[in-house]
Amino acid sequence: MSKQPKRWVRVKALTKEEKAEIAAVCGRFITDVLKPRFLPEVHPTAFNYPVDILGKWRGRQYSFITRYRSGFPETLGQEFNAPFARLDHDEEHIAEPRFDVMWHRHTGEWRCLHSSVTLEEALRLIEDDDLLHPVL
């Protein structure tokens, strides 16, 4: 087996300012698109029911999350988060931030559905692709 030569790749991590700007754009997307479409109002049930849709950075990944509240008597009022889509920052693009759009499978595993897209493309894909919608 021959050894592959080392390949140096220049990467660019997002700054705090860039992350804040991306979070603001995603926050407006959640407020203006996702909540009116998927969670216009909260309907309490005797089971787990959605109460909010939110977004959150974790490292180089921005997750879209559904917040649920329990209606079961033994856990009444307890809340938990369930992610449904994620943007993974593609650090190899220097000029403009690019993202891999990830889908959260029912098994807990993340799968890449779209690679190296702009933020605007990623949000359009989340809006249009049924797999990337919140499970309500």
N, C-alpha and C. Protein backbone atom coordinates (compact mmCIF):
# COMPACT_ATOMS: atom_id res chain seq x y z
N MET A 1 0.83 -1.18 0.00
CA MET A 1 0.00 0.00 0.00
C MET A 1 0.87 1.24 0.00
N SER A 2 0.61 2.12 -0.91
CA SER A 2 1.37 3.36 -0.93
C SER A 2 0.68 4.40 -0.05
N LYS A 3 1.50 5.19 0.56
CA LYS A 3 0.98 6.23 1.43
C LYS A 3 0.55 7.43 0.60
N GLN A 4 -0.63 7.95 0.91
CA GLN A 4 -1.11 9.14 0.21
C GLN A 4 -0.34 10.37 0.71
N PRO A 5 0.03 11.28 -0.18
CA PRO A 5 0.72 12.49 0.28
C PRO A 5 -0.23 13.35 1.12
N LYS A 6 0.34 14.05 2.07
CA LYS A 6 -0.48 14.93 2.91
C LYS A 6 -1.02 16.06 2.05
N ARG A 7 -2.27 16.37 2.29
CA ARG A 7 -2.92 17.46 1.57
C ARG A 7 -3.31 18.52 2.59
N TRP A 8 -2.78 19.70 2.41
CA TRP A 8 -3.09 20.79 3.32
C TRP A 8 -4.31 21.53 2.80
N VAL A 9 -5.25 21.76 3.69
CA VAL A 9 -6.47 22.47 3.34
C VAL A 9 -6.60 23.67 4.26
N ARG A 10 -6.81 24.81 3.67
CA ARG A 10 -7.01 26.01 4.47
C ARG A 10 -8.47 26.06 4.88
N VAL A 11 -8.70 26.21 6.16
CA VAL A 11 -10.08 26.25 6.65
C VAL A 11 -10.34 27.59 7.33
N LYS A 12 -11.62 27.97 7.34
CA LYS A 12 -12.01 29.22 7.96
C LYS A 12 -13.17 28.96 8.89
N ALA A 13 -12.92 29.09 10.17
CA ALA A 13 -14.00 28.95 11.16
C ALA A 13 -14.79 30.25 11.19
N LEU A 14 -16.04 30.16 11.59
CA LEU A 14 -16.89 31.35 11.71
C LEU A 14 -16.49 32.15 12.95
N THR A 15 -16.52 33.47 12.81
CA THR A 15 -16.28 34.34 13.95
C THR A 15 -17.56 34.45 14.77
N LYS A 16 -17.45 35.01 15.98
CA LYS A 16 -18.63 35.23 16.81
C LYS A 16 -19.62 36.14 16.10
N GLU A 17 -19.11 37.14 15.40
CA GLU A 17 -19.98 38.08 14.68
C GLU A 17 -20.72 37.38 13.54
N GLU A 18 -20.00 36.53 12.80
CA GLU A 18 -20.65 35.79 11.71
C GLU A 18 -21.71 34.84 12.25
N LYS A 19 -21.40 34.17 13.35
CA LYS A 19 -22.38 33.27 13.97
C LYS A 19 -23.62 34.04 14.41
N ALA A 20 -23.41 35.21 15.00
CA ALA A 20 -24.54 36.03 15.46
C ALA A 20 -25.40 36.47 14.27
N GLU A 21 -24.76 36.84 13.17
CA GLU A 21 -25.49 37.26 11.97
C GLU A 21 -26.29 36.09 11.39
N ILE A 22 -25.68 34.93 11.32
CA ILE A 22 -26.37 33.73 10.81
C ILE A 22 -27.52 33.35 11.73
N ALA A 23 -27.29 33.42 13.05
CA ALA A 23 -28.36 33.11 14.02
C ALA A 23 -29.52 34.09 13.86
N ALA A 24 -29.24 35.36 13.58
CA ALA A 24 -30.31 36.35 13.39
C ALA A 24 -31.13 36.03 12.15
N VAL A 25 -30.46 35.67 11.06
CA VAL A 25 -31.17 35.29 9.82
C VAL A 25 -32.02 34.05 10.06
N CYS A 26 -31.45 33.05 10.73
CA CYS A 26 -32.19 31.82 11.02
C CYS A 26 -33.34 32.09 11.98
N GLY A 27 -33.14 32.98 12.95
CA GLY A 27 -34.19 33.36 13.89
C GLY A 27 -35.37 33.99 13.17
N ARG A 28 -35.09 34.88 12.21
CA ARG A 28 -36.18 35.49 11.42
C ARG A 28 -36.89 34.43 10.58
N PHE A 29 -36.13 33.48 10.04
CA PHE A 29 -36.71 32.38 9.26
C PHE A 29 -37.65 31.55 10.14
N ILE A 30 -37.23 31.26 11.35
CA ILE A 30 -38.07 30.49 12.28
C ILE A 30 -39.35 31.27 12.58
N THR A 31 -39.21 32.55 12.90
CA THR A 31 -40.35 33.39 13.27
C THR A 31 -41.29 33.64 12.10
N ASP A 32 -40.73 33.92 10.93
CA ASP A 32 -41.54 34.33 9.78
C ASP A 32 -42.05 33.16 8.94
N VAL A 33 -41.35 32.02 8.95
CA VAL A 33 -41.71 30.92 8.05
C VAL A 33 -42.13 29.66 8.83
N LEU A 34 -41.25 29.16 9.68
CA LEU A 34 -41.52 27.87 10.32
C LEU A 34 -42.66 27.92 11.33
N LYS A 35 -42.64 28.89 12.23
CA LYS A 35 -43.69 28.94 13.26
C LYS A 35 -45.08 29.18 12.66
N PRO A 36 -45.26 30.15 11.75
CA PRO A 36 -46.61 30.32 11.19
C PRO A 36 -47.09 29.10 10.42
N ARG A 37 -46.18 28.40 9.78
CA ARG A 37 -46.57 27.24 8.97
C ARG A 37 -46.79 25.97 9.78
N PHE A 38 -45.91 25.72 10.75
CA PHE A 38 -45.96 24.45 11.46
C PHE A 38 -46.48 24.54 12.90
N LEU A 39 -46.42 25.72 13.50
CA LEU A 39 -46.85 25.84 14.89
C LEU A 39 -47.52 27.21 15.12
N PRO A 40 -48.64 27.45 14.41
CA PRO A 40 -49.30 28.75 14.57
C PRO A 40 -49.87 28.95 15.97
N GLU A 41 -50.24 27.86 16.65
CA GLU A 41 -50.70 27.93 18.03
C GLU A 41 -50.41 26.61 18.73
N VAL A 42 -50.33 26.68 20.04
CA VAL A 42 -50.03 25.50 20.85
C VAL A 42 -51.34 24.84 21.27
N HIS A 43 -51.42 23.52 21.06
CA HIS A 43 -52.60 22.75 21.45
C HIS A 43 -52.19 21.70 22.48
N PRO A 44 -52.40 21.99 23.78
CA PRO A 44 -52.05 20.99 24.80
C PRO A 44 -52.83 19.69 24.61
N THR A 45 -52.15 18.57 24.84
CA THR A 45 -52.77 17.26 24.73
C THR A 45 -52.36 16.42 25.94
N ALA A 46 -52.88 15.22 26.00
CA ALA A 46 -52.51 14.30 27.08
C ALA A 46 -51.18 13.60 26.79
N PHE A 47 -50.58 13.92 25.65
CA PHE A 47 -49.32 13.31 25.24
C PHE A 47 -48.25 14.40 25.17
N ASN A 48 -47.14 14.15 24.48
CA ASN A 48 -46.14 15.17 24.24
C ASN A 48 -46.63 16.05 23.10
N TYR A 49 -46.55 17.36 23.28
CA TYR A 49 -47.03 18.27 22.24
C TYR A 49 -46.03 19.41 22.05
N PRO A 50 -45.91 19.92 20.81
CA PRO A 50 -44.93 20.97 20.53
C PRO A 50 -45.39 22.31 21.11
N VAL A 51 -44.43 23.05 21.66
CA VAL A 51 -44.73 24.36 22.22
C VAL A 51 -43.88 25.47 21.59
N ASP A 52 -42.81 25.11 20.87
CA ASP A 52 -41.96 26.14 20.29
C ASP A 52 -41.06 25.53 19.21
N ILE A 53 -40.58 26.37 18.33
CA ILE A 53 -39.53 26.02 17.37
C ILE A 53 -38.43 27.05 17.57
N LEU A 54 -37.20 26.58 17.72
CA LEU A 54 -36.09 27.47 18.00
C LEU A 54 -34.83 26.99 17.30
N GLY A 55 -33.79 27.81 17.38
CA GLY A 55 -32.50 27.44 16.79
C GLY A 55 -31.39 27.67 17.80
N LYS A 56 -30.28 26.95 17.59
CA LYS A 56 -29.19 27.02 18.57
C LYS A 56 -27.87 26.59 17.94
N TRP A 57 -26.81 27.35 18.22
CA TRP A 57 -25.47 26.98 17.78
C TRP A 57 -24.89 25.96 18.75
N ARG A 58 -24.15 25.02 18.20
CA ARG A 58 -23.33 24.10 18.99
C ARG A 58 -22.07 23.84 18.17
N GLY A 59 -21.00 24.53 18.54
CA GLY A 59 -19.77 24.44 17.76
C GLY A 59 -19.97 25.05 16.39
N ARG A 60 -19.72 24.27 15.36
CA ARG A 60 -19.88 24.77 13.98
C ARG A 60 -21.21 24.36 13.37
N GLN A 61 -22.14 23.94 14.21
CA GLN A 61 -23.44 23.44 13.74
C GLN A 61 -24.58 24.27 14.32
N TYR A 62 -25.51 24.66 13.46
CA TYR A 62 -26.71 25.37 13.90
C TYR A 62 -27.88 24.42 13.75
N SER A 63 -28.55 24.12 14.85
CA SER A 63 -29.66 23.17 14.85
C SER A 63 -31.00 23.87 14.90
N PHE A 64 -31.96 23.34 14.16
CA PHE A 64 -33.35 23.74 14.24
C PHE A 64 -34.05 22.71 15.13
N ILE A 65 -34.75 23.20 16.15
CA ILE A 65 -35.23 22.35 17.24
C ILE A 65 -36.71 22.58 17.50
N THR A 66 -37.43 21.51 17.76
CA THR A 66 -38.80 21.61 18.24
C THR A 66 -38.76 21.38 19.76
N ARG A 67 -39.39 22.28 20.51
CA ARG A 67 -39.49 22.14 21.97
C ARG A 67 -40.85 21.53 22.28
N TYR A 68 -40.83 20.43 23.04
CA TYR A 68 -42.06 19.71 23.40
C TYR A 68 -42.32 19.83 24.89
N ARG A 69 -43.59 19.74 25.24
CA ARG A 69 -44.01 19.69 26.65
C ARG A 69 -44.81 18.41 26.85
N SER A 70 -44.60 17.78 28.00
CA SER A 70 -45.30 16.54 28.29
C SER A 70 -46.68 16.82 28.87
N GLY A 71 -47.65 16.05 28.40
CA GLY A 71 -49.00 16.11 28.95
C GLY A 71 -49.33 14.87 29.76
N PHE A 72 -48.37 13.94 29.85
CA PHE A 72 -48.58 12.72 30.62
C PHE A 72 -48.64 13.06 32.11
N PRO A 73 -49.52 12.43 32.87
CA PRO A 73 -49.67 12.76 34.30
C PRO A 73 -48.37 12.62 35.09
N GLU A 74 -47.57 11.59 34.81
CA GLU A 74 -46.34 11.37 35.59
C GLU A 74 -45.22 12.36 35.24
N THR A 75 -45.31 13.02 34.09
CA THR A 75 -44.28 13.99 33.69
C THR A 75 -44.90 15.31 33.26
N LEU A 76 -46.06 15.62 33.75
CA LEU A 76 -46.83 16.79 33.35
C LEU A 76 -45.99 18.07 33.42
N GLY A 77 -45.93 18.77 32.31
CA GLY A 77 -45.23 20.05 32.25
C GLY A 77 -43.75 19.98 31.96
N GLN A 78 -43.13 18.82 32.01
CA GLN A 78 -41.70 18.72 31.70
C GLN A 78 -41.51 18.98 30.21
N GLU A 79 -40.40 19.61 29.87
CA GLU A 79 -40.12 19.94 28.48
C GLU A 79 -38.81 19.32 28.01
N PHE A 80 -38.73 19.09 26.69
CA PHE A 80 -37.51 18.55 26.09
C PHE A 80 -37.41 19.04 24.65
N ASN A 81 -36.20 18.98 24.12
CA ASN A 81 -35.93 19.43 22.76
C ASN A 81 -35.73 18.24 21.83
N ALA A 82 -36.17 18.41 20.59
CA ALA A 82 -35.95 17.40 19.56
C ALA A 82 -35.53 18.11 18.27
N PRO A 83 -34.26 17.96 17.86
CA PRO A 83 -33.81 18.61 16.63
C PRO A 83 -34.43 17.94 15.41
N PHE A 84 -34.63 18.74 14.35
CA PHE A 84 -35.18 18.16 13.12
C PHE A 84 -34.34 18.48 11.89
N ALA A 85 -33.53 19.51 11.94
CA ALA A 85 -32.63 19.84 10.83
C ALA A 85 -31.41 20.55 11.41
N ARG A 86 -30.31 20.53 10.63
CA ARG A 86 -29.08 21.14 11.13
C ARG A 86 -28.28 21.67 9.96
N LEU A 87 -27.61 22.79 10.19
CA LEU A 87 -26.68 23.35 9.21
C LEU A 87 -25.27 23.15 9.75
N ASP A 88 -24.45 22.39 9.05
CA ASP A 88 -23.05 22.19 9.43
C ASP A 88 -22.19 23.11 8.57
N HIS A 89 -21.44 23.98 9.23
CA HIS A 89 -20.59 24.91 8.49
C HIS A 89 -19.49 24.16 7.76
N ASP A 90 -19.40 24.41 6.46
CA ASP A 90 -18.37 23.81 5.62
C ASP A 90 -17.16 24.74 5.66
N GLU A 91 -16.18 24.39 6.45
CA GLU A 91 -15.05 25.28 6.73
C GLU A 91 -14.07 25.41 5.57
N GLU A 92 -14.23 24.64 4.52
CA GLU A 92 -13.28 24.70 3.41
C GLU A 92 -13.57 25.85 2.46
N HIS A 93 -14.73 26.49 2.58
CA HIS A 93 -15.05 27.63 1.73
C HIS A 93 -14.66 28.91 2.45
N ILE A 94 -13.75 29.63 1.83
CA ILE A 94 -13.19 30.82 2.47
C ILE A 94 -14.03 32.05 2.18
N ALA A 95 -14.48 32.22 0.95
CA ALA A 95 -15.14 33.46 0.53
C ALA A 95 -16.50 33.66 1.19
N GLU A 96 -17.37 32.69 1.06
CA GLU A 96 -18.74 32.82 1.54
C GLU A 96 -19.08 31.59 2.38
N PRO A 97 -19.73 31.79 3.51
CA PRO A 97 -20.09 30.61 4.32
C PRO A 97 -20.97 29.64 3.54
N ARG A 98 -20.63 28.39 3.60
CA ARG A 98 -21.40 27.31 2.98
C ARG A 98 -21.76 26.30 4.05
N PHE A 99 -22.85 25.59 3.82
CA PHE A 99 -23.34 24.65 4.84
C PHE A 99 -23.76 23.34 4.21
N ASP A 100 -23.61 22.27 4.99
CA ASP A 100 -24.21 20.99 4.65
C ASP A 100 -25.53 20.95 5.40
N VAL A 101 -26.61 20.62 4.69
CA VAL A 101 -27.93 20.57 5.32
C VAL A 101 -28.17 19.13 5.76
N MET A 102 -28.35 18.98 7.07
CA MET A 102 -28.45 17.65 7.67
C MET A 102 -29.88 17.35 8.10
N TRP A 103 -30.26 16.09 7.97
CA TRP A 103 -31.58 15.59 8.36
C TRP A 103 -31.41 14.68 9.56
N HIS A 104 -32.27 14.87 10.57
CA HIS A 104 -32.21 14.06 11.78
C HIS A 104 -33.16 12.88 11.64
N ARG A 105 -32.60 11.70 11.51
CA ARG A 105 -33.41 10.48 11.37
C ARG A 105 -34.04 10.08 12.69
N HIS A 106 -35.08 9.28 12.61
CA HIS A 106 -35.76 8.80 13.81
C HIS A 106 -34.83 7.93 14.67
N THR A 107 -33.75 7.45 14.10
CA THR A 107 -32.79 6.63 14.84
C THR A 107 -31.81 7.47 15.66
N GLY A 108 -31.87 8.79 15.50
CA GLY A 108 -30.96 9.69 16.19
C GLY A 108 -29.73 10.03 15.37
N GLU A 109 -29.60 9.43 14.22
CA GLU A 109 -28.44 9.66 13.36
C GLU A 109 -28.71 10.84 12.42
N TRP A 110 -27.66 11.59 12.11
CA TRP A 110 -27.76 12.72 11.18
C TRP A 110 -27.29 12.27 9.80
N ARG A 111 -28.02 12.66 8.77
CA ARG A 111 -27.65 12.35 7.38
C ARG A 111 -27.57 13.65 6.58
N CYS A 112 -26.55 13.77 5.76
CA CYS A 112 -26.40 14.94 4.91
C CYS A 112 -27.29 14.78 3.67
N LEU A 113 -28.20 15.73 3.48
CA LEU A 113 -29.08 15.70 2.31
C LEU A 113 -28.58 16.62 1.20
N HIS A 114 -27.94 17.72 1.59
CA HIS A 114 -27.46 18.71 0.62
C HIS A 114 -26.10 19.22 1.08
N SER A 115 -25.14 19.28 0.17
CA SER A 115 -23.78 19.68 0.53
C SER A 115 -23.42 21.05 -0.01
N SER A 116 -22.69 21.78 0.80
CA SER A 116 -22.05 23.03 0.41
C SER A 116 -22.99 24.02 -0.27
N VAL A 117 -24.05 24.38 0.43
CA VAL A 117 -25.00 25.36 -0.09
C VAL A 117 -24.90 26.65 0.72
N THR A 118 -25.33 27.76 0.13
CA THR A 118 -25.33 29.02 0.84
C THR A 118 -26.41 29.00 1.92
N LEU A 119 -26.38 29.97 2.81
CA LEU A 119 -27.38 30.06 3.87
C LEU A 119 -28.78 30.22 3.27
N GLU A 120 -28.91 31.07 2.26
CA GLU A 120 -30.22 31.29 1.64
C GLU A 120 -30.74 30.00 1.01
N GLU A 121 -29.87 29.27 0.32
CA GLU A 121 -30.28 27.98 -0.27
C GLU A 121 -30.67 26.99 0.81
N ALA A 122 -29.92 26.96 1.90
CA ALA A 122 -30.19 26.03 2.99
C ALA A 122 -31.57 26.29 3.59
N LEU A 123 -31.89 27.56 3.83
CA LEU A 123 -33.19 27.89 4.40
C LEU A 123 -34.33 27.56 3.44
N ARG A 124 -34.11 27.79 2.16
CA ARG A 124 -35.13 27.41 1.16
C ARG A 124 -35.34 25.90 1.14
N LEU A 125 -34.25 25.14 1.25
CA LEU A 125 -34.35 23.68 1.29
C LEU A 125 -35.12 23.22 2.52
N ILE A 126 -34.86 23.84 3.68
CA ILE A 126 -35.60 23.47 4.90
C ILE A 126 -37.07 23.79 4.74
N GLU A 127 -37.37 24.89 4.08
CA GLU A 127 -38.77 25.28 3.86
C GLU A 127 -39.48 24.32 2.90
N ASP A 128 -38.77 23.85 1.88
CA ASP A 128 -39.42 23.06 0.81
C ASP A 128 -39.34 21.56 0.96
N ASP A 129 -38.32 21.04 1.64
CA ASP A 129 -38.09 19.60 1.70
C ASP A 129 -38.81 18.99 2.90
N ASP A 130 -39.78 18.11 2.66
CA ASP A 130 -40.57 17.50 3.72
C ASP A 130 -39.72 16.79 4.78
N LEU A 131 -38.61 16.20 4.37
CA LEU A 131 -37.76 15.51 5.35
C LEU A 131 -37.17 16.45 6.39
N LEU A 132 -37.03 17.72 6.02
CA LEU A 132 -36.40 18.69 6.90
C LEU A 132 -37.40 19.48 7.75
N HIS A 133 -38.66 19.12 7.65
CA HIS A 133 -39.69 19.82 8.43
C HIS A 133 -39.75 19.27 9.85
N PRO A 134 -40.21 20.09 10.80
CA PRO A 134 -40.37 19.60 12.17
C PRO A 134 -41.45 18.54 12.25
N VAL A 135 -41.25 17.56 13.12
CA VAL A 135 -42.24 16.52 13.34
C VAL A 135 -43.17 17.02 14.45
N LEU A 136 -44.42 17.21 14.08
CA LEU A 136 -45.37 17.76 15.06
C LEU A 136 -46.49 16.81 15.34
